[in-house]
Structures are given as C-alpha cells and as structure tokens.
Amino acid sequence: MSLEMPFHLAIFNIDGADAVYEKFPEIDHWFLAGHSLGGAMGSSYANKHEDQLSGLILLGAYPTDEPTIPTIAIYGSEDQVLDKEKLKVVENRIEITGGNHAGFGNYGEQGLSPSFA
C-alpha cells in the first residue's frame, strides 16, 4: 500500500502510517519503506513506533538517527543525491551497480552515468 502525501512530501504527514494499521488488523508484521525524503521521514517514524514495526526499508535514503529496528538500505552506485556517509549506521546495505537516485521513483528521465554512456 502506498500513502498519498500532501504535496508529494512525506515531511508534511510523518505519522501517515498510523491510519493504515486500522485498515488491516489481520497483519501482524509491518515493514515501512520509503524513498529519499520519504525514507528519512519513515526512519523518524520507525524510531518512534518501533513496537509496531518489524523492519524499515530505505530506498535511496538514509536514516535520520541510528535505526532501532532491523533496517536495510538499497541505493544506486551512481546516486549523486544521497549522502552515502550517512548510511554507515545501517548494517544491511545493498548497492545497485549503475543505479541512480531516480531509479526508485517516477521522476522522468535522468542522464546516464558515464560508465553507461
């Protein structure tokens, strides 16, 4: 399930996930995923609601604080937006060779990395 965010920015509805739990009471294990700023806001939410979540998935995103629940960060080797230094607090990381920041979202076309041009 994907949440609609005001102005497409998660920062304006950080607690938006709260409404989802009620709609699916049969689900016992919840994982929260977010891309870019949505991932950062998701990590902030996860640290405040760790008792409700089984894990956090960051897509081209870094956590706002050291994760308190199991977390994986997936990012592209050619991501020129993500501050990869901030990923050091995430134990589980997967780098997609040749991937860029927009590959996780629907931003339209981006230029090719020099290795693919």
N, C-alpha and C. Protein backbone atom coordinates (compact mmCIF):
# COMPACT_ATOMS: atom_id res chain seq x y z
N MET A 1 0.84 -1.17 0.00
CA MET A 1 0.00 0.00 0.00
C MET A 1 0.89 1.23 0.00
N SER A 2 0.54 2.20 -0.77
CA SER A 2 1.28 3.45 -0.84
C SER A 2 0.41 4.57 -0.28
N LEU A 3 1.01 5.41 0.53
CA LEU A 3 0.28 6.53 1.11
C LEU A 3 0.45 7.77 0.24
N GLU A 4 -0.64 8.49 0.03
CA GLU A 4 -0.55 9.78 -0.65
C GLU A 4 -0.10 10.82 0.37
N MET A 5 0.87 11.62 0.00
CA MET A 5 1.40 12.64 0.89
C MET A 5 1.04 14.03 0.37
N PRO A 6 0.74 14.95 1.28
CA PRO A 6 0.46 16.32 0.84
C PRO A 6 1.65 16.88 0.05
N PHE A 7 1.37 17.43 -1.12
CA PHE A 7 2.40 17.99 -1.99
C PHE A 7 3.48 16.95 -2.36
N HIS A 8 3.15 15.67 -2.23
CA HIS A 8 4.07 14.56 -2.51
C HIS A 8 5.31 14.60 -1.62
N LEU A 9 5.19 15.15 -0.43
CA LEU A 9 6.32 15.25 0.50
C LEU A 9 5.94 14.64 1.84
N ALA A 10 6.65 13.60 2.23
CA ALA A 10 6.36 12.88 3.47
C ALA A 10 6.52 13.75 4.71
N ILE A 11 7.31 14.79 4.62
CA ILE A 11 7.55 15.64 5.79
C ILE A 11 6.26 16.31 6.27
N PHE A 12 5.27 16.42 5.39
CA PHE A 12 4.00 17.04 5.77
C PHE A 12 3.00 16.06 6.39
N ASN A 13 3.37 14.77 6.47
CA ASN A 13 2.48 13.78 7.07
C ASN A 13 3.30 12.62 7.63
N ILE A 14 4.21 12.94 8.53
CA ILE A 14 5.14 11.94 9.06
C ILE A 14 4.41 10.77 9.71
N ASP A 15 3.29 11.01 10.35
CA ASP A 15 2.56 9.94 11.03
C ASP A 15 1.46 9.33 10.16
N GLY A 16 1.55 9.51 8.86
CA GLY A 16 0.52 9.00 7.95
C GLY A 16 0.30 7.50 8.05
N ALA A 17 1.33 6.76 8.42
CA ALA A 17 1.20 5.29 8.52
C ALA A 17 0.24 4.87 9.62
N ASP A 18 -0.01 5.73 10.58
CA ASP A 18 -0.92 5.38 11.68
C ASP A 18 -2.29 4.92 11.16
N ALA A 19 -2.78 5.54 10.11
CA ALA A 19 -4.11 5.22 9.59
C ALA A 19 -4.16 3.84 8.92
N VAL A 20 -3.03 3.32 8.51
CA VAL A 20 -3.01 2.05 7.78
C VAL A 20 -3.23 0.86 8.69
N TYR A 21 -2.71 0.89 9.89
CA TYR A 21 -2.83 -0.24 10.81
C TYR A 21 -4.29 -0.65 11.02
N GLU A 22 -5.16 0.33 11.17
CA GLU A 22 -6.58 0.06 11.44
C GLU A 22 -7.25 -0.64 10.25
N LYS A 23 -6.80 -0.35 9.04
CA LYS A 23 -7.42 -0.91 7.85
C LYS A 23 -7.08 -2.39 7.64
N PHE A 24 -5.99 -2.84 8.25
CA PHE A 24 -5.53 -4.21 8.05
C PHE A 24 -5.19 -4.86 9.40
N PRO A 25 -6.19 -5.07 10.25
CA PRO A 25 -5.90 -5.60 11.59
C PRO A 25 -5.37 -7.04 11.57
N GLU A 26 -5.54 -7.75 10.45
CA GLU A 26 -5.08 -9.13 10.36
C GLU A 26 -3.56 -9.23 10.14
N ILE A 27 -2.91 -8.13 9.84
CA ILE A 27 -1.46 -8.14 9.60
C ILE A 27 -0.72 -8.01 10.93
N ASP A 28 0.19 -8.95 11.16
CA ASP A 28 0.96 -8.96 12.41
C ASP A 28 2.34 -8.32 12.27
N HIS A 29 2.92 -8.37 11.08
CA HIS A 29 4.28 -7.86 10.89
C HIS A 29 4.28 -6.78 9.82
N TRP A 30 4.64 -5.59 10.23
CA TRP A 30 4.65 -4.43 9.33
C TRP A 30 6.07 -4.01 9.01
N PHE A 31 6.29 -3.70 7.73
CA PHE A 31 7.56 -3.14 7.27
C PHE A 31 7.25 -1.80 6.61
N LEU A 32 8.04 -0.81 6.91
CA LEU A 32 7.85 0.52 6.35
C LEU A 32 8.97 0.78 5.35
N ALA A 33 8.61 1.25 4.16
CA ALA A 33 9.60 1.56 3.13
C ALA A 33 9.39 2.98 2.64
N GLY A 34 10.50 3.63 2.30
CA GLY A 34 10.40 4.98 1.76
C GLY A 34 11.60 5.32 0.91
N HIS A 35 11.37 6.19 -0.06
CA HIS A 35 12.42 6.66 -0.96
C HIS A 35 12.77 8.11 -0.65
N SER A 36 14.05 8.40 -0.65
CA SER A 36 14.57 9.76 -0.49
C SER A 36 14.05 10.38 0.80
N LEU A 37 13.40 11.53 0.72
CA LEU A 37 12.87 12.18 1.92
C LEU A 37 11.83 11.30 2.60
N GLY A 38 11.08 10.52 1.81
CA GLY A 38 10.12 9.59 2.39
C GLY A 38 10.79 8.53 3.25
N GLY A 39 11.98 8.11 2.86
CA GLY A 39 12.74 7.16 3.67
C GLY A 39 13.25 7.79 4.95
N ALA A 40 13.72 9.02 4.85
CA ALA A 40 14.19 9.72 6.05
C ALA A 40 13.05 9.93 7.04
N MET A 41 11.88 10.34 6.54
CA MET A 41 10.74 10.53 7.42
C MET A 41 10.24 9.18 7.95
N GLY A 42 10.34 8.14 7.12
CA GLY A 42 10.00 6.80 7.58
C GLY A 42 10.89 6.33 8.71
N SER A 43 12.17 6.67 8.65
CA SER A 43 13.08 6.27 9.73
C SER A 43 12.77 7.02 11.01
N SER A 44 12.38 8.27 10.88
CA SER A 44 11.97 9.04 12.06
C SER A 44 10.73 8.42 12.69
N TYR A 45 9.77 8.06 11.84
CA TYR A 45 8.55 7.40 12.31
C TYR A 45 8.89 6.06 12.98
N ALA A 46 9.76 5.28 12.33
CA ALA A 46 10.12 3.95 12.85
C ALA A 46 10.76 4.03 14.23
N ASN A 47 11.60 5.02 14.45
CA ASN A 47 12.25 5.15 15.75
C ASN A 47 11.26 5.50 16.85
N LYS A 48 10.14 6.12 16.48
CA LYS A 48 9.11 6.48 17.47
C LYS A 48 8.06 5.38 17.64
N HIS A 49 8.00 4.46 16.68
CA HIS A 49 6.96 3.42 16.68
C HIS A 49 7.58 2.03 16.51
N GLU A 50 8.74 1.82 17.09
CA GLU A 50 9.46 0.55 16.89
C GLU A 50 8.67 -0.66 17.37
N ASP A 51 7.75 -0.47 18.30
CA ASP A 51 6.95 -1.59 18.79
C ASP A 51 5.90 -2.04 17.77
N GLN A 52 5.62 -1.23 16.75
CA GLN A 52 4.62 -1.57 15.75
C GLN A 52 5.23 -2.10 14.45
N LEU A 53 6.54 -1.97 14.29
CA LEU A 53 7.17 -2.31 13.02
C LEU A 53 8.16 -3.46 13.16
N SER A 54 8.24 -4.29 12.12
CA SER A 54 9.21 -5.39 12.09
C SER A 54 10.48 -4.99 11.35
N GLY A 55 10.41 -3.95 10.53
CA GLY A 55 11.59 -3.53 9.80
C GLY A 55 11.37 -2.28 8.98
N LEU A 56 12.49 -1.72 8.52
CA LEU A 56 12.50 -0.49 7.74
C LEU A 56 13.31 -0.73 6.47
N ILE A 57 12.78 -0.27 5.33
CA ILE A 57 13.46 -0.40 4.04
C ILE A 57 13.69 1.00 3.50
N LEU A 58 14.96 1.37 3.33
CA LEU A 58 15.32 2.68 2.82
C LEU A 58 15.75 2.55 1.36
N LEU A 59 15.10 3.28 0.48
CA LEU A 59 15.39 3.24 -0.96
C LEU A 59 15.99 4.58 -1.37
N GLY A 60 17.28 4.61 -1.60
CA GLY A 60 17.93 5.88 -1.93
C GLY A 60 17.73 6.88 -0.81
N ALA A 61 17.82 6.40 0.42
CA ALA A 61 17.55 7.24 1.59
C ALA A 61 18.47 6.83 2.72
N TYR A 62 18.65 7.74 3.66
CA TYR A 62 19.43 7.44 4.87
C TYR A 62 18.55 7.72 6.09
N PRO A 63 18.85 7.08 7.21
CA PRO A 63 18.05 7.30 8.41
C PRO A 63 18.37 8.64 9.06
N THR A 64 17.39 9.19 9.76
CA THR A 64 17.61 10.44 10.47
C THR A 64 18.40 10.21 11.75
N ASP A 65 18.29 9.03 12.33
CA ASP A 65 19.04 8.64 13.52
C ASP A 65 19.47 7.18 13.34
N GLU A 66 20.26 6.69 14.27
CA GLU A 66 20.64 5.28 14.20
C GLU A 66 19.38 4.42 14.32
N PRO A 67 19.18 3.49 13.40
CA PRO A 67 17.96 2.67 13.43
C PRO A 67 17.82 1.86 14.72
N THR A 68 16.59 1.76 15.20
CA THR A 68 16.30 0.98 16.40
C THR A 68 15.58 -0.33 16.06
N ILE A 69 15.29 -0.54 14.77
CA ILE A 69 14.67 -1.78 14.30
C ILE A 69 15.50 -2.30 13.12
N PRO A 70 15.33 -3.56 12.73
CA PRO A 70 16.07 -4.07 11.56
C PRO A 70 15.83 -3.18 10.34
N THR A 71 16.92 -2.78 9.70
CA THR A 71 16.85 -1.82 8.59
C THR A 71 17.76 -2.27 7.46
N ILE A 72 17.28 -2.07 6.23
CA ILE A 72 18.11 -2.29 5.05
C ILE A 72 18.06 -1.03 4.19
N ALA A 73 19.21 -0.64 3.66
CA ALA A 73 19.30 0.50 2.75
C ALA A 73 19.69 -0.02 1.38
N ILE A 74 18.90 0.32 0.38
CA ILE A 74 19.17 -0.06 -1.00
C ILE A 74 19.38 1.23 -1.78
N TYR A 75 20.50 1.32 -2.48
CA TYR A 75 20.83 2.57 -3.16
C TYR A 75 21.64 2.28 -4.42
N GLY A 76 21.72 3.26 -5.30
CA GLY A 76 22.46 3.11 -6.54
C GLY A 76 23.88 3.62 -6.44
N SER A 77 24.79 2.94 -7.12
CA SER A 77 26.20 3.37 -7.11
C SER A 77 26.38 4.74 -7.74
N GLU A 78 25.46 5.14 -8.62
CA GLU A 78 25.57 6.43 -9.30
C GLU A 78 24.63 7.47 -8.71
N ASP A 79 24.11 7.23 -7.53
CA ASP A 79 23.23 8.18 -6.85
C ASP A 79 24.05 9.39 -6.43
N GLN A 80 23.77 10.53 -7.04
CA GLN A 80 24.50 11.75 -6.73
C GLN A 80 23.71 12.67 -5.81
N VAL A 81 22.58 12.19 -5.30
CA VAL A 81 21.76 12.96 -4.37
C VAL A 81 21.98 12.46 -2.94
N LEU A 82 22.04 11.16 -2.77
CA LEU A 82 22.15 10.53 -1.46
C LEU A 82 23.52 10.79 -0.82
N ASP A 83 23.50 11.17 0.45
CA ASP A 83 24.74 11.32 1.23
C ASP A 83 25.09 9.94 1.79
N LYS A 84 25.93 9.20 1.09
CA LYS A 84 26.23 7.81 1.45
C LYS A 84 26.97 7.70 2.77
N GLU A 85 27.61 8.75 3.22
CA GLU A 85 28.29 8.73 4.52
C GLU A 85 27.29 8.46 5.64
N LYS A 86 26.06 8.93 5.46
CA LYS A 86 25.03 8.77 6.49
C LYS A 86 24.46 7.36 6.54
N LEU A 87 24.87 6.52 5.59
CA LEU A 87 24.42 5.12 5.58
C LEU A 87 25.26 4.24 6.49
N LYS A 88 26.35 4.75 7.00
CA LYS A 88 27.25 3.93 7.82
C LYS A 88 26.57 3.36 9.06
N VAL A 89 25.51 3.99 9.54
CA VAL A 89 24.81 3.48 10.73
C VAL A 89 23.86 2.34 10.39
N VAL A 90 23.67 2.07 9.09
CA VAL A 90 22.80 0.98 8.64
C VAL A 90 23.67 -0.25 8.37
N GLU A 91 23.43 -1.30 9.12
CA GLU A 91 24.25 -2.51 9.00
C GLU A 91 24.05 -3.22 7.66
N ASN A 92 22.82 -3.29 7.20
CA ASN A 92 22.49 -4.01 5.97
C ASN A 92 22.32 -3.03 4.82
N ARG A 93 23.25 -3.09 3.86
CA ARG A 93 23.22 -2.17 2.72
C ARG A 93 23.40 -2.96 1.43
N ILE A 94 22.64 -2.57 0.42
CA ILE A 94 22.78 -3.17 -0.91
C ILE A 94 22.97 -2.03 -1.91
N GLU A 95 24.07 -2.09 -2.66
CA GLU A 95 24.33 -1.10 -3.69
C GLU A 95 24.00 -1.71 -5.05
N ILE A 96 23.19 -1.01 -5.83
CA ILE A 96 22.83 -1.45 -7.17
C ILE A 96 23.79 -0.79 -8.15
N THR A 97 24.65 -1.59 -8.76
CA THR A 97 25.65 -1.07 -9.69
C THR A 97 24.97 -0.36 -10.86
N GLY A 98 25.35 0.90 -11.06
CA GLY A 98 24.79 1.70 -12.15
C GLY A 98 23.49 2.40 -11.82
N GLY A 99 22.90 2.09 -10.66
CA GLY A 99 21.63 2.71 -10.28
C GLY A 99 21.81 4.16 -9.87
N ASN A 100 20.76 4.96 -10.10
CA ASN A 100 20.79 6.36 -9.67
C ASN A 100 19.64 6.64 -8.71
N HIS A 101 19.51 7.86 -8.28
CA HIS A 101 18.51 8.22 -7.28
C HIS A 101 17.08 8.08 -7.82
N ALA A 102 16.88 8.49 -9.05
CA ALA A 102 15.53 8.49 -9.63
C ALA A 102 15.03 7.10 -9.97
N GLY A 103 15.92 6.12 -9.98
CA GLY A 103 15.50 4.76 -10.33
C GLY A 103 14.47 4.18 -9.38
N PHE A 104 14.35 4.76 -8.19
CA PHE A 104 13.37 4.28 -7.22
C PHE A 104 12.04 5.03 -7.32
N GLY A 105 12.03 6.13 -8.05
CA GLY A 105 10.82 6.95 -8.13
C GLY A 105 10.39 7.15 -9.56
N ASN A 106 9.35 7.92 -9.75
CA ASN A 106 8.83 8.23 -11.07
C ASN A 106 9.09 9.71 -11.35
N TYR A 107 10.36 10.02 -11.61
CA TYR A 107 10.78 11.41 -11.83
C TYR A 107 10.91 11.76 -13.30
N GLY A 108 10.82 10.79 -14.18
CA GLY A 108 11.13 11.04 -15.57
C GLY A 108 12.59 10.68 -15.84
N GLU A 109 13.02 10.96 -17.03
CA GLU A 109 14.36 10.55 -17.46
C GLU A 109 15.47 11.35 -16.78
N GLN A 110 16.55 10.64 -16.40
CA GLN A 110 17.77 11.26 -15.91
C GLN A 110 18.88 10.86 -16.85
N GLY A 111 19.96 11.61 -16.84
CA GLY A 111 21.10 11.29 -17.68
C GLY A 111 21.75 9.98 -17.28
N LEU A 112 22.39 9.34 -18.23
CA LEU A 112 23.11 8.10 -17.95
C LEU A 112 24.40 8.40 -17.21
N SER A 113 24.83 7.47 -16.40
CA SER A 113 26.12 7.62 -15.73
C SER A 113 27.21 7.46 -16.78
N PRO A 114 28.39 8.04 -16.55
CA PRO A 114 29.48 7.93 -17.52
C PRO A 114 29.83 6.49 -17.88
N SER A 115 29.65 5.56 -16.96
CA SER A 115 30.00 4.17 -17.24
C SER A 115 29.03 3.50 -18.21
N PHE A 116 27.85 4.11 -18.41
CA PHE A 116 26.87 3.53 -19.33
C PHE A 116 26.70 4.35 -20.60
N ALA A 117 27.30 5.52 -20.66
CA ALA A 117 27.12 6.42 -21.82
C ALA A 117 27.87 5.91 -23.03
